[in-house]
């Protein structure tokens, strides 16, 4: 099949592209390289078509949708603090960009659109493990814009008939994970600190638990989603087995230092994955121990990543506390 991957030079997108190339599909990556890296796709770049473009702006990149069977829409701006500082930029990328993808898919009669949604849409959930039917309560502009993108695709699916599946991702980690940001890239932060023999900056008391999902498991779910015939479906994509941040510190074999707890963050993320297990016949296979072992085997990837210190984090997250602290 001809498959488009927006954000295909990023963390998840590059793994997905590599997997699909090995399956023999014709891959087109559309990426503006704002956070994606050409080095992520260098080993298979000759096997794909790469289009550098900004999906939030209408352009010739849309012509690539002709004769495309599947679109994976992963392109988005991430991180909390920048979204607080510049919500308009996030709206343009994550909402306008998604509408452009939806419109292009309708125009060129794409059979399937698979959206990389975010579990941050649940905010601070009332129930755990959290079901897909839980209330949507985004705590910051990044979460809001990712959910608005999902709503656009689901609405267009109902009106125009394009087949849409939305996967709400929980704390994806693995090789090539992002090296920037003080949030949303915990492993990138920790591994850069480990390489430089710095203490790991643990938010709060470190007892908070996250539903860490390894990249290869995520890719399998994305691949299986192609076969979903029922329209406008949403699925949680996690493990349902949350792990404490302090446990991650132990597995990495590092010392740590505690920094202030951040407002708007849940103490627990835990996906109810009953639906995805049943309807996609998918379940996670990689344990947290195996996943971290894989990361450490390729730790040099984070050699050039910024090394965050408590002081730098305090400066970078100033607006986080300013705007979310009273909520």
C-alpha atoms as a PDB file:
ATOM      1  CA  UNK A   1       0.000   0.000   0.000  1.00  0.00           C
ATOM      2  CA  UNK A   2       0.924   3.632  -0.362  1.00  0.00           C
ATOM      3  CA  UNK A   3       1.040   5.012   3.187  1.00  0.00           C
ATOM      4  CA  UNK A   4       1.643   8.573   4.372  1.00  0.00           C
ATOM      5  CA  UNK A   5       3.161   9.208   7.803  1.00  0.00           C
ATOM      6  CA  UNK A   6       3.033  12.786   9.043  1.00  0.00           C
ATOM      7  CA  UNK A   7       5.749  13.409  11.605  1.00  0.00           C
ATOM      8  CA  UNK A   8       7.567  10.384  10.225  1.00  0.00           C
ATOM      9  CA  UNK A   9      11.033  11.640  11.188  1.00  0.00           C
ATOM     10  CA  UNK A  10      10.071  11.837  14.850  1.00  0.00           C
ATOM     11  CA  UNK A  11      10.333   9.258  17.614  1.00  0.00           C
ATOM     12  CA  UNK A  12       7.232   7.149  16.961  1.00  0.00           C
ATOM     13  CA  UNK A  13       6.952   8.059  13.279  1.00  0.00           C
ATOM     14  CA  UNK A  14      10.447   6.884  12.379  1.00  0.00           C
ATOM     15  CA  UNK A  15       9.910   3.509  14.074  1.00  0.00           C
ATOM     16  CA  UNK A  16       6.579   3.135  12.280  1.00  0.00           C
ATOM     17  CA  UNK A  17       8.110   4.062   8.912  1.00  0.00           C
ATOM     18  CA  UNK A  18      10.959   1.582   9.377  1.00  0.00           C
ATOM     19  CA  UNK A  19       8.497  -1.180  10.307  1.00  0.00           C
ATOM     20  CA  UNK A  20       6.249  -0.497   7.290  1.00  0.00           C
ATOM     21  CA  UNK A  21       9.201  -0.326   4.869  1.00  0.00           C
ATOM     22  CA  UNK A  22      10.211  -3.811   6.046  1.00  0.00           C
ATOM     23  CA  UNK A  23       6.642  -4.942   5.349  1.00  0.00           C
ATOM     24  CA  UNK A  24       7.078  -3.797   1.750  1.00  0.00           C
ATOM     25  CA  UNK A  25       4.790  -0.760   1.741  1.00  0.00           C
ATOM     26  CA  UNK A  26       5.411   2.435  -0.220  1.00  0.00           C
ATOM     27  CA  UNK A  27       6.040   5.115   2.405  1.00  0.00           C
ATOM     28  CA  UNK A  28       5.799   8.911   2.148  1.00  0.00           C
ATOM     29  CA  UNK A  29       6.987  10.874   5.182  1.00  0.00           C
ATOM     30  CA  UNK A  30       5.787  14.458   5.622  1.00  0.00           C
ATOM     31  CA  UNK A  31       7.710  16.298   8.339  1.00  0.00           C
ATOM     32  CA  UNK A  32       8.855  19.888   8.901  1.00  0.00           C
ATOM     33  CA  UNK A  33      11.750  18.680  11.111  1.00  0.00           C
ATOM     34  CA  UNK A  34      10.786  21.012  13.968  1.00  0.00           C
ATOM     35  CA  UNK A  35      11.350  18.113  16.369  1.00  0.00           C
ATOM     36  CA  UNK A  36      11.950  15.211  13.981  1.00  0.00           C
ATOM     37  CA  UNK A  37      15.480  14.319  12.903  1.00  0.00           C
ATOM     38  CA  UNK A  38      16.744  13.090   9.549  1.00  0.00           C
ATOM     39  CA  UNK A  39      19.170  10.880  11.463  1.00  0.00           C
ATOM     40  CA  UNK A  40      16.141   8.898  12.699  1.00  0.00           C
ATOM     41  CA  UNK A  41      15.391   7.740   9.144  1.00  0.00           C
ATOM     42  CA  UNK A  42      18.887   7.635   7.639  1.00  0.00           C
ATOM     43  CA  UNK A  43      19.101   3.821   7.540  1.00  0.00           C
ATOM     44  CA  UNK A  44      16.031   3.548   5.288  1.00  0.00           C
ATOM     45  CA  UNK A  45      15.752   7.024   3.717  1.00  0.00           C
ATOM     46  CA  UNK A  46      16.494   5.631   0.253  1.00  0.00           C
ATOM     47  CA  UNK A  47      13.446   3.361   0.560  1.00  0.00           C
ATOM     48  CA  UNK A  48      10.925   6.151   1.209  1.00  0.00           C
ATOM     49  CA  UNK A  49       9.852   9.510  -0.168  1.00  0.00           C
ATOM     50  CA  UNK A  50      10.595  12.380   2.207  1.00  0.00           C
ATOM     51  CA  UNK A  51       8.646  15.644   1.934  1.00  0.00           C
ATOM     52  CA  UNK A  52       9.708  18.559   4.109  1.00  0.00           C
ATOM     53  CA  UNK A  53       6.548  20.557   4.736  1.00  0.00           C
ATOM     54  CA  UNK A  54       4.469  22.254   7.403  1.00  0.00           C
ATOM     55  CA  UNK A  55       1.024  20.644   7.471  1.00  0.00           C
ATOM     56  CA  UNK A  56      -0.512  23.694   9.152  1.00  0.00           C
ATOM     57  CA  UNK A  57      -0.052  25.559   5.867  1.00  0.00           C
ATOM     58  CA  UNK A  58      -1.710  24.518   2.636  1.00  0.00           C
ATOM     59  CA  UNK A  59       0.868  23.575   0.039  1.00  0.00           C
ATOM     60  CA  UNK A  60       1.984  21.128  -2.637  1.00  0.00           C
ATOM     61  CA  UNK A  61       2.526  18.462   0.026  1.00  0.00           C
ATOM     62  CA  UNK A  62      -1.215  17.709  -0.219  1.00  0.00           C
ATOM     63  CA  UNK A  63      -0.696  16.259  -3.721  1.00  0.00           C
ATOM     64  CA  UNK A  64       1.064  13.284  -2.113  1.00  0.00           C
ATOM     65  CA  UNK A  65      -2.339  12.104  -0.852  1.00  0.00           C
ATOM     66  CA  UNK A  66      -3.316  11.007  -4.356  1.00  0.00           C
ATOM     67  CA  UNK A  67      -3.648   7.191  -4.552  1.00  0.00           C
ATOM     68  CA  UNK A  68      -2.862   6.866  -0.832  1.00  0.00           C
ATOM     69  CA  UNK A  69      -4.609   4.059   1.043  1.00  0.00           C
ATOM     70  CA  UNK A  70      -3.605   4.861   4.645  1.00  0.00           C
ATOM     71  CA  UNK A  71      -2.581   8.032   6.478  1.00  0.00           C
ATOM     72  CA  UNK A  72      -0.909   7.889   9.882  1.00  0.00           C
ATOM     73  CA  UNK A  73      -1.213  11.352  11.411  1.00  0.00           C
ATOM     74  CA  UNK A  74       1.509  11.711  14.034  1.00  0.00           C
ATOM     75  CA  UNK A  75       2.786  15.237  13.338  1.00  0.00           C
ATOM     76  CA  UNK A  76       2.211  17.523  16.323  1.00  0.00           C
ATOM     77  CA  UNK A  77       3.880  19.921  18.693  1.00  0.00           C
ATOM     78  CA  UNK A  78       4.378  18.352  22.122  1.00  0.00           C
ATOM     79  CA  UNK A  79       5.383  19.536  25.638  1.00  0.00           C
ATOM     80  CA  UNK A  80       3.357  21.450  28.192  1.00  0.00           C
ATOM     81  CA  UNK A  81       5.325  24.643  28.867  1.00  0.00           C
ATOM     82  CA  UNK A  82       5.682  25.826  25.244  1.00  0.00           C
ATOM     83  CA  UNK A  83       1.961  25.207  24.753  1.00  0.00           C
ATOM     84  CA  UNK A  84       1.213  27.500  27.702  1.00  0.00           C
ATOM     85  CA  UNK A  85       3.578  30.142  26.367  1.00  0.00           C
ATOM     86  CA  UNK A  86       2.367  29.987  22.765  1.00  0.00           C
ATOM     87  CA  UNK A  87      -1.090  28.364  22.532  1.00  0.00           C
ATOM     88  CA  UNK A  88      -1.737  29.842  19.065  1.00  0.00           C
ATOM     89  CA  UNK A  89       1.284  28.017  17.641  1.00  0.00           C
ATOM     90  CA  UNK A  90      -0.032  24.746  19.100  1.00  0.00           C
ATOM     91  CA  UNK A  91      -3.509  25.416  17.739  1.00  0.00           C
ATOM     92  CA  UNK A  92      -2.104  25.960  14.255  1.00  0.00           C
ATOM     93  CA  UNK A  93       0.032  22.818  14.343  1.00  0.00           C
ATOM     94  CA  UNK A  94      -2.232  20.386  16.164  1.00  0.00           C
ATOM     95  CA  UNK A  95      -5.699  21.632  15.191  1.00  0.00           C
ATOM     96  CA  UNK A  96      -5.367  23.460  11.854  1.00  0.00           C
ATOM     97  CA  UNK A  97      -2.772  20.893  10.755  1.00  0.00           C
ATOM     98  CA  UNK A  98      -5.129  18.040  11.594  1.00  0.00           C
ATOM     99  CA  UNK A  99      -8.004  19.684   9.721  1.00  0.00           C
ATOM    100  CA  UNK A 100      -5.726  19.990   6.679  1.00  0.00           C
ATOM    101  CA  UNK A 101      -4.891  16.278   6.936  1.00  0.00           C
ATOM    102  CA  UNK A 102      -8.582  15.403   7.266  1.00  0.00           C
ATOM    103  CA  UNK A 103      -9.549  17.557   4.263  1.00  0.00           C
ATOM    104  CA  UNK A 104      -6.740  16.144   2.108  1.00  0.00           C
ATOM    105  CA  UNK A 105      -7.800  12.606   3.039  1.00  0.00           C
ATOM    106  CA  UNK A 106     -11.392  13.336   2.009  1.00  0.00           C
ATOM    107  CA  UNK A 107     -10.348  15.048  -1.237  1.00  0.00           C
ATOM    108  CA  UNK A 108      -8.186  12.140  -2.349  1.00  0.00           C
ATOM    109  CA  UNK A 109     -10.508   9.430  -0.959  1.00  0.00           C
ATOM    110  CA  UNK A 110      -8.001   7.941   1.490  1.00  0.00           C
ATOM    111  CA  UNK A 111      -9.411   4.685   2.839  1.00  0.00           C
ATOM    112  CA  UNK A 112      -8.033   4.931   6.386  1.00  0.00           C
ATOM    113  CA  UNK A 113      -6.749   7.641   8.755  1.00  0.00           C
ATOM    114  CA  UNK A 114      -5.070   6.592  12.010  1.00  0.00           C
ATOM    115  CA  UNK A 115      -4.520   9.372  14.542  1.00  0.00           C
ATOM    116  CA  UNK A 116      -1.926   9.500  17.284  1.00  0.00           C
ATOM    117  CA  UNK A 117      -4.014  10.966  20.115  1.00  0.00           C
ATOM    118  CA  UNK A 118      -2.928  11.651  23.684  1.00  0.00           C
ATOM    119  CA  UNK A 119      -4.092  10.239  27.005  1.00  0.00           C
ATOM    120  CA  UNK A 120      -3.492  13.746  28.387  1.00  0.00           C
ATOM    121  CA  UNK A 121      -7.064  14.424  27.220  1.00  0.00           C
ATOM    122  CA  UNK A 122      -8.268  12.748  30.449  1.00  0.00           C
ATOM    123  CA  UNK A 123      -6.520  15.347  32.617  1.00  0.00           C
ATOM    124  CA  UNK A 124      -6.562  14.048  36.186  1.00  0.00           C
ATOM    125  CA  UNK A 125      -8.899  11.049  35.872  1.00  0.00           C
ATOM    126  CA  UNK A 126     -11.418  10.107  38.524  1.00  0.00           C
ATOM    127  CA  UNK A 127     -11.129   6.359  37.889  1.00  0.00           C
ATOM    128  CA  UNK A 128      -8.270   3.938  37.259  1.00  0.00           C
ATOM    129  CA  UNK A 129      -7.573   2.101  35.044  1.00  0.00           C
ATOM    130  CA  UNK A 130      -9.078   4.827  32.848  1.00  0.00           C
ATOM    131  CA  UNK A 131     -11.638   3.858  30.201  1.00  0.00           C
ATOM    132  CA  UNK A 132     -12.043   5.479  26.774  1.00  0.00           C
ATOM    133  CA  UNK A 133     -15.440   6.730  27.999  1.00  0.00           C
ATOM    134  CA  UNK A 134     -13.868   8.765  30.839  1.00  0.00           C
ATOM    135  CA  UNK A 135     -14.594  12.497  30.838  1.00  0.00           C
ATOM    136  CA  UNK A 136     -12.337  14.689  28.709  1.00  0.00           C
ATOM    137  CA  UNK A 137     -10.681  17.312  30.926  1.00  0.00           C
ATOM    138  CA  UNK A 138      -7.453  18.661  29.339  1.00  0.00           C
ATOM    139  CA  UNK A 139      -5.314  20.630  31.791  1.00  0.00           C
ATOM    140  CA  UNK A 140      -3.158  22.652  29.368  1.00  0.00           C
ATOM    141  CA  UNK A 141      -3.159  23.789  25.711  1.00  0.00           C
ATOM    142  CA  UNK A 142      -1.139  20.829  24.384  1.00  0.00           C
ATOM    143  CA  UNK A 143      -3.721  18.363  25.732  1.00  0.00           C
ATOM    144  CA  UNK A 144      -6.587  20.541  24.475  1.00  0.00           C
ATOM    145  CA  UNK A 145      -5.215  20.827  20.928  1.00  0.00           C
ATOM    146  CA  UNK A 146      -4.506  17.096  20.639  1.00  0.00           C
ATOM    147  CA  UNK A 147      -8.075  16.346  21.687  1.00  0.00           C
ATOM    148  CA  UNK A 148      -9.508  18.977  19.326  1.00  0.00           C
ATOM    149  CA  UNK A 149      -7.607  17.221  16.523  1.00  0.00           C
ATOM    150  CA  UNK A 150      -9.240  13.948  17.522  1.00  0.00           C
ATOM    151  CA  UNK A 151     -12.688  15.578  17.589  1.00  0.00           C
ATOM    152  CA  UNK A 152     -12.178  17.024  14.103  1.00  0.00           C
ATOM    153  CA  UNK A 153     -11.261  13.627  12.670  1.00  0.00           C
ATOM    154  CA  UNK A 154     -14.146  11.863  14.385  1.00  0.00           C
ATOM    155  CA  UNK A 155     -16.603  14.540  13.253  1.00  0.00           C
ATOM    156  CA  UNK A 156     -15.342  14.374   9.670  1.00  0.00           C
ATOM    157  CA  UNK A 157     -15.579  10.589   9.803  1.00  0.00           C
ATOM    158  CA  UNK A 158     -19.264  10.866  10.671  1.00  0.00           C
ATOM    159  CA  UNK A 159     -20.034  13.535   8.078  1.00  0.00           C
ATOM    160  CA  UNK A 160     -17.797  12.603   5.147  1.00  0.00           C
ATOM    161  CA  UNK A 161     -17.301   8.874   5.674  1.00  0.00           C
ATOM    162  CA  UNK A 162     -13.496   8.712   5.930  1.00  0.00           C
ATOM    163  CA  UNK A 163     -12.573   5.756   8.151  1.00  0.00           C
ATOM    164  CA  UNK A 164     -10.830   7.041  11.298  1.00  0.00           C
ATOM    165  CA  UNK A 165      -9.211   5.251  14.222  1.00  0.00           C
ATOM    166  CA  UNK A 166      -7.757   7.235  17.121  1.00  0.00           C
ATOM    167  CA  UNK A 167      -5.170   5.722  19.467  1.00  0.00           C
ATOM    168  CA  UNK A 168      -4.767   7.543  22.794  1.00  0.00           C
ATOM    169  CA  UNK A 169      -1.145   6.975  23.730  1.00  0.00           C
ATOM    170  CA  UNK A 170       0.081   6.546  27.306  1.00  0.00           C
ATOM    171  CA  UNK A 171       3.731   7.449  28.046  1.00  0.00           C
ATOM    172  CA  UNK A 172       5.492   5.919  25.062  1.00  0.00           C
ATOM    173  CA  UNK A 173       9.230   5.283  25.535  1.00  0.00           C
ATOM    174  CA  UNK A 174      12.037   3.648  23.625  1.00  0.00           C
ATOM    175  CA  UNK A 175      15.025   4.271  21.394  1.00  0.00           C
ATOM    176  CA  UNK A 176      14.970   7.608  19.507  1.00  0.00           C
ATOM    177  CA  UNK A 177      12.659   9.175  22.109  1.00  0.00           C
ATOM    178  CA  UNK A 178      12.794  12.951  22.132  1.00  0.00           C
ATOM    179  CA  UNK A 179      15.818  14.668  23.617  1.00  0.00           C
ATOM    180  CA  UNK A 180      14.168  18.015  24.328  1.00  0.00           C
ATOM    181  CA  UNK A 181      11.576  19.219  26.801  1.00  0.00           C
ATOM    182  CA  UNK A 182      11.254  19.053  30.575  1.00  0.00           C
ATOM    183  CA  UNK A 183       8.062  17.022  30.287  1.00  0.00           C
ATOM    184  CA  UNK A 184       6.802  14.312  27.978  1.00  0.00           C
ATOM    185  CA  UNK A 185      10.325  13.070  27.404  1.00  0.00           C
ATOM    186  CA  UNK A 186      11.250  11.747  30.834  1.00  0.00           C
ATOM    187  CA  UNK A 187      13.516   9.013  29.515  1.00  0.00           C
ATOM    188  CA  UNK A 188      15.285  11.469  27.215  1.00  0.00           C
ATOM    189  CA  UNK A 189      15.946  13.731  30.216  1.00  0.00           C
ATOM    190  CA  UNK A 190      17.058  10.859  32.455  1.00  0.00           C
ATOM    191  CA  UNK A 191      19.347   9.187  29.908  1.00  0.00           C
ATOM    192  CA  UNK A 192      21.133  12.453  29.086  1.00  0.00           C
ATOM    193  CA  UNK A 193      21.654  12.997  32.829  1.00  0.00           C
ATOM    194  CA  UNK A 194      22.932   9.427  33.271  1.00  0.00           C
ATOM    195  CA  UNK A 195      25.464   9.857  30.463  1.00  0.00           C
ATOM    196  CA  UNK A 196      26.883  12.937  32.186  1.00  0.00           C
ATOM    197  CA  UNK A 197      26.810  11.327  35.661  1.00  0.00           C
ATOM    198  CA  UNK A 198      24.261  13.834  36.916  1.00  0.00           C
ATOM    199  CA  UNK A 199      21.480  12.964  39.371  1.00  0.00           C
ATOM    200  CA  UNK A 200      18.111  12.229  37.773  1.00  0.00           C
ATOM    201  CA  UNK A 201      15.630  15.055  38.374  1.00  0.00           C
ATOM    202  CA  UNK A 202      12.582  13.357  39.891  1.00  0.00           C
ATOM    203  CA  UNK A 203       9.414  15.434  40.064  1.00  0.00           C
ATOM    204  CA  UNK A 204       7.776  15.421  43.495  1.00  0.00           C
ATOM    205  CA  UNK A 205       8.411  12.370  45.668  1.00  0.00           C
ATOM    206  CA  UNK A 206       8.755  10.010  42.698  1.00  0.00           C
ATOM    207  CA  UNK A 207       5.927   7.817  43.923  1.00  0.00           C
ATOM    208  CA  UNK A 208       3.716   8.895  41.031  1.00  0.00           C
ATOM    209  CA  UNK A 209       3.106   6.077  38.577  1.00  0.00           C
ATOM    210  CA  UNK A 210       2.991   6.199  34.793  1.00  0.00           C
ATOM    211  CA  UNK A 211       1.745   3.713  32.224  1.00  0.00           C
ATOM    212  CA  UNK A 212       4.974   3.308  30.247  1.00  0.00           C
ATOM    213  CA  UNK A 213       4.463   1.626  26.864  1.00  0.00           C
ATOM    214  CA  UNK A 214       7.425   0.436  24.796  1.00  0.00           C
ATOM    215  CA  UNK A 215       7.739   1.659  21.227  1.00  0.00           C
ATOM    216  CA  UNK A 216       7.644  -1.745  19.500  1.00  0.00           C
ATOM    217  CA  UNK A 217       4.337  -2.552  21.215  1.00  0.00           C
ATOM    218  CA  UNK A 218       2.957   0.800  20.083  1.00  0.00           C
ATOM    219  CA  UNK A 219       3.998   0.122  16.473  1.00  0.00           C
ATOM    220  CA  UNK A 220       2.235  -3.254  16.500  1.00  0.00           C
ATOM    221  CA  UNK A 221      -0.994  -1.553  17.612  1.00  0.00           C
ATOM    222  CA  UNK A 222      -0.657   1.109  14.901  1.00  0.00           C
ATOM    223  CA  UNK A 223      -0.186  -1.625  12.305  1.00  0.00           C
ATOM    224  CA  UNK A 224      -3.167  -3.657  13.497  1.00  0.00           C
ATOM    225  CA  UNK A 225      -5.333  -0.513  13.415  1.00  0.00           C
ATOM    226  CA  UNK A 226      -5.268  -0.589   9.594  1.00  0.00           C
ATOM    227  CA  UNK A 227      -7.698  -3.512   9.647  1.00  0.00           C
ATOM    228  CA  UNK A 228     -10.378  -1.854  11.814  1.00  0.00           C
ATOM    229  CA  UNK A 229     -13.492  -1.561   9.658  1.00  0.00           C
ATOM    230  CA  UNK A 230     -15.787   0.103  12.205  1.00  0.00           C
ATOM    231  CA  UNK A 231     -15.537   3.867  11.843  1.00  0.00           C
ATOM    232  CA  UNK A 232     -14.552   6.601  14.345  1.00  0.00           C
ATOM    233  CA  UNK A 233     -13.158   4.291  17.022  1.00  0.00           C
ATOM    234  CA  UNK A 234     -10.989   5.459  19.942  1.00  0.00           C
ATOM    235  CA  UNK A 235      -8.632   3.130  21.806  1.00  0.00           C
ATOM    236  CA  UNK A 236      -6.405   3.499  24.842  1.00  0.00           C
ATOM    237  CA  UNK A 237      -2.881   2.369  24.001  1.00  0.00           C
ATOM    238  CA  UNK A 238      -0.998   1.490  27.167  1.00  0.00           C
ATOM    239  CA  UNK A 239      -0.098  -1.487  29.332  1.00  0.00           C
ATOM    240  CA  UNK A 240      -2.470  -1.132  32.259  1.00  0.00           C
ATOM    241  CA  UNK A 241       0.563  -1.785  34.496  1.00  0.00           C
ATOM    242  CA  UNK A 242       1.798   1.588  35.783  1.00  0.00           C
ATOM    243  CA  UNK A 243       5.302   1.891  37.236  1.00  0.00           C
ATOM    244  CA  UNK A 244       6.541   4.405  39.829  1.00  0.00           C
ATOM    245  CA  UNK A 245       9.166   6.923  38.711  1.00  0.00           C
ATOM    246  CA  UNK A 246      11.332   5.835  41.674  1.00  0.00           C
ATOM    247  CA  UNK A 247      11.327   2.317  40.240  1.00  0.00           C
ATOM    248  CA  UNK A 248      12.602   3.698  36.912  1.00  0.00           C
ATOM    249  CA  UNK A 249      15.460   5.416  38.788  1.00  0.00           C
ATOM    250  CA  UNK A 250      16.401   2.067  40.353  1.00  0.00           C
ATOM    251  CA  UNK A 251      16.309   0.243  37.031  1.00  0.00           C
ATOM    252  CA  UNK A 252      18.551   2.913  35.504  1.00  0.00           C
ATOM    253  CA  UNK A 253      20.954   2.507  38.431  1.00  0.00           C
ATOM    254  CA  UNK A 254      21.280   6.214  39.170  1.00  0.00           C
ATOM    255  CA  UNK A 255      21.135   8.658  42.042  1.00  0.00           C
ATOM    256  CA  UNK A 256      18.302  11.161  41.994  1.00  0.00           C
ATOM    257  CA  UNK A 257      17.311  14.579  43.245  1.00  0.00           C
ATOM    258  CA  UNK A 258      13.739  15.744  43.876  1.00  0.00           C
ATOM    259  CA  UNK A 259      12.276  18.865  42.291  1.00  0.00           C
ATOM    260  CA  UNK A 260       8.881  20.486  43.037  1.00  0.00           C
ATOM    261  CA  UNK A 261       5.697  18.645  42.114  1.00  0.00           C
ATOM    262  CA  UNK A 262       3.970  20.232  39.137  1.00  0.00           C
ATOM    263  CA  UNK A 263       0.334  21.365  39.042  1.00  0.00           C
ATOM    264  CA  UNK A 264      -2.031  19.767  36.544  1.00  0.00           C
ATOM    265  CA  UNK A 265      -0.267  16.397  36.551  1.00  0.00           C
ATOM    266  CA  UNK A 266      -1.997  13.217  37.748  1.00  0.00           C
ATOM    267  CA  UNK A 267      -0.350  11.049  40.392  1.00  0.00           C
ATOM    268  CA  UNK A 268      -1.254   8.048  38.272  1.00  0.00           C
ATOM    269  CA  UNK A 269      -1.814   7.210  34.623  1.00  0.00           C
ATOM    270  CA  UNK A 270      -3.224   3.768  33.937  1.00  0.00           C
ATOM    271  CA  UNK A 271      -4.937   2.658  30.748  1.00  0.00           C
ATOM    272  CA  UNK A 272      -7.877   0.315  30.694  1.00  0.00           C
ATOM    273  CA  UNK A 273      -6.933  -1.693  27.607  1.00  0.00           C
ATOM    274  CA  UNK A 274      -9.856  -4.140  27.532  1.00  0.00           C
ATOM    275  CA  UNK A 275     -11.189  -2.616  24.305  1.00  0.00           C
ATOM    276  CA  UNK A 276      -7.939  -2.666  22.317  1.00  0.00           C
ATOM    277  CA  UNK A 277      -7.184  -6.230  23.456  1.00  0.00           C
ATOM    278  CA  UNK A 278     -10.575  -7.418  22.263  1.00  0.00           C
ATOM    279  CA  UNK A 279     -11.033  -5.446  19.042  1.00  0.00           C
ATOM    280  CA  UNK A 280      -7.436  -5.299  17.785  1.00  0.00           C
ATOM    281  CA  UNK A 281      -6.268  -8.580  19.278  1.00  0.00           C
ATOM    282  CA  UNK A 282      -3.339  -6.598  20.686  1.00  0.00           C
ATOM    283  CA  UNK A 283      -1.533  -6.722  23.988  1.00  0.00           C
ATOM    284  CA  UNK A 284       1.809  -5.300  25.179  1.00  0.00           C
ATOM    285  CA  UNK A 285       4.755  -7.700  25.194  1.00  0.00           C
ATOM    286  CA  UNK A 286       7.762  -5.682  26.422  1.00  0.00           C
ATOM    287  CA  UNK A 287       8.219  -5.420  30.196  1.00  0.00           C
ATOM    288  CA  UNK A 288       9.608  -2.250  31.736  1.00  0.00           C
ATOM    289  CA  UNK A 289      12.818  -4.113  32.632  1.00  0.00           C
ATOM    290  CA  UNK A 290      13.342  -5.282  29.057  1.00  0.00           C
ATOM    291  CA  UNK A 291      12.441  -1.876  27.666  1.00  0.00           C
ATOM    292  CA  UNK A 292      14.990  -0.095  29.844  1.00  0.00           C
ATOM    293  CA  UNK A 293      17.603  -2.708  28.950  1.00  0.00           C
ATOM    294  CA  UNK A 294      16.987  -1.882  25.276  1.00  0.00           C
ATOM    295  CA  UNK A 295      17.378   1.840  26.017  1.00  0.00           C
ATOM    296  CA  UNK A 296      20.660   1.365  27.834  1.00  0.00           C
ATOM    297  CA  UNK A 297      22.013  -0.660  24.925  1.00  0.00           C
ATOM    298  CA  UNK A 298      21.560   2.441  22.729  1.00  0.00           C
ATOM    299  CA  UNK A 299      22.176   5.133  25.329  1.00  0.00           C
ATOM    300  CA  UNK A 300      24.712   6.979  23.149  1.00  0.00           C
ATOM    301  CA  UNK A 301      21.779   8.285  21.077  1.00  0.00           C
ATOM    302  CA  UNK A 302      21.293  10.838  23.881  1.00  0.00           C
ATOM    303  CA  UNK A 303      24.911  12.047  23.884  1.00  0.00           C
ATOM    304  CA  UNK A 304      23.985  15.359  22.293  1.00  0.00           C
ATOM    305  CA  UNK A 305      20.781  15.841  24.289  1.00  0.00           C
ATOM    306  CA  UNK A 306      20.513  18.836  26.650  1.00  0.00           C
ATOM    307  CA  UNK A 307      21.360  18.024  30.256  1.00  0.00           C
ATOM    308  CA  UNK A 308      18.657  19.389  32.536  1.00  0.00           C
ATOM    309  CA  UNK A 309      19.561  20.563  36.039  1.00  0.00           C
ATOM    310  CA  UNK A 310      17.119  21.579  38.803  1.00  0.00           C
ATOM    311  CA  UNK A 311      18.013  25.236  38.173  1.00  0.00           C
ATOM    312  CA  UNK A 312      17.407  25.003  34.407  1.00  0.00           C
ATOM    313  CA  UNK A 313      14.134  23.156  34.982  1.00  0.00           C
ATOM    314  CA  UNK A 314      12.968  25.811  37.455  1.00  0.00           C
ATOM    315  CA  UNK A 315      13.534  28.511  34.848  1.00  0.00           C
ATOM    316  CA  UNK A 316      11.978  26.483  32.026  1.00  0.00           C
ATOM    317  CA  UNK A 317       8.843  25.584  34.006  1.00  0.00           C
ATOM    318  CA  UNK A 318       8.241  29.027  35.515  1.00  0.00           C
ATOM    319  CA  UNK A 319       5.133  29.621  33.367  1.00  0.00           C
ATOM    320  CA  UNK A 320       3.835  26.143  34.206  1.00  0.00           C
ATOM    321  CA  UNK A 321       3.592  27.048  37.893  1.00  0.00           C
ATOM    322  CA  UNK A 322       2.407  30.584  37.090  1.00  0.00           C
ATOM    323  CA  UNK A 323      -0.588  29.571  34.984  1.00  0.00           C
ATOM    324  CA  UNK A 324      -1.512  26.124  36.294  1.00  0.00           C
ATOM    325  CA  UNK A 325      -0.693  26.644  39.963  1.00  0.00           C
ATOM    326  CA  UNK A 326      -4.074  28.149  40.844  1.00  0.00           C
ATOM    327  CA  UNK A 327      -6.215  25.624  38.968  1.00  0.00           C
END
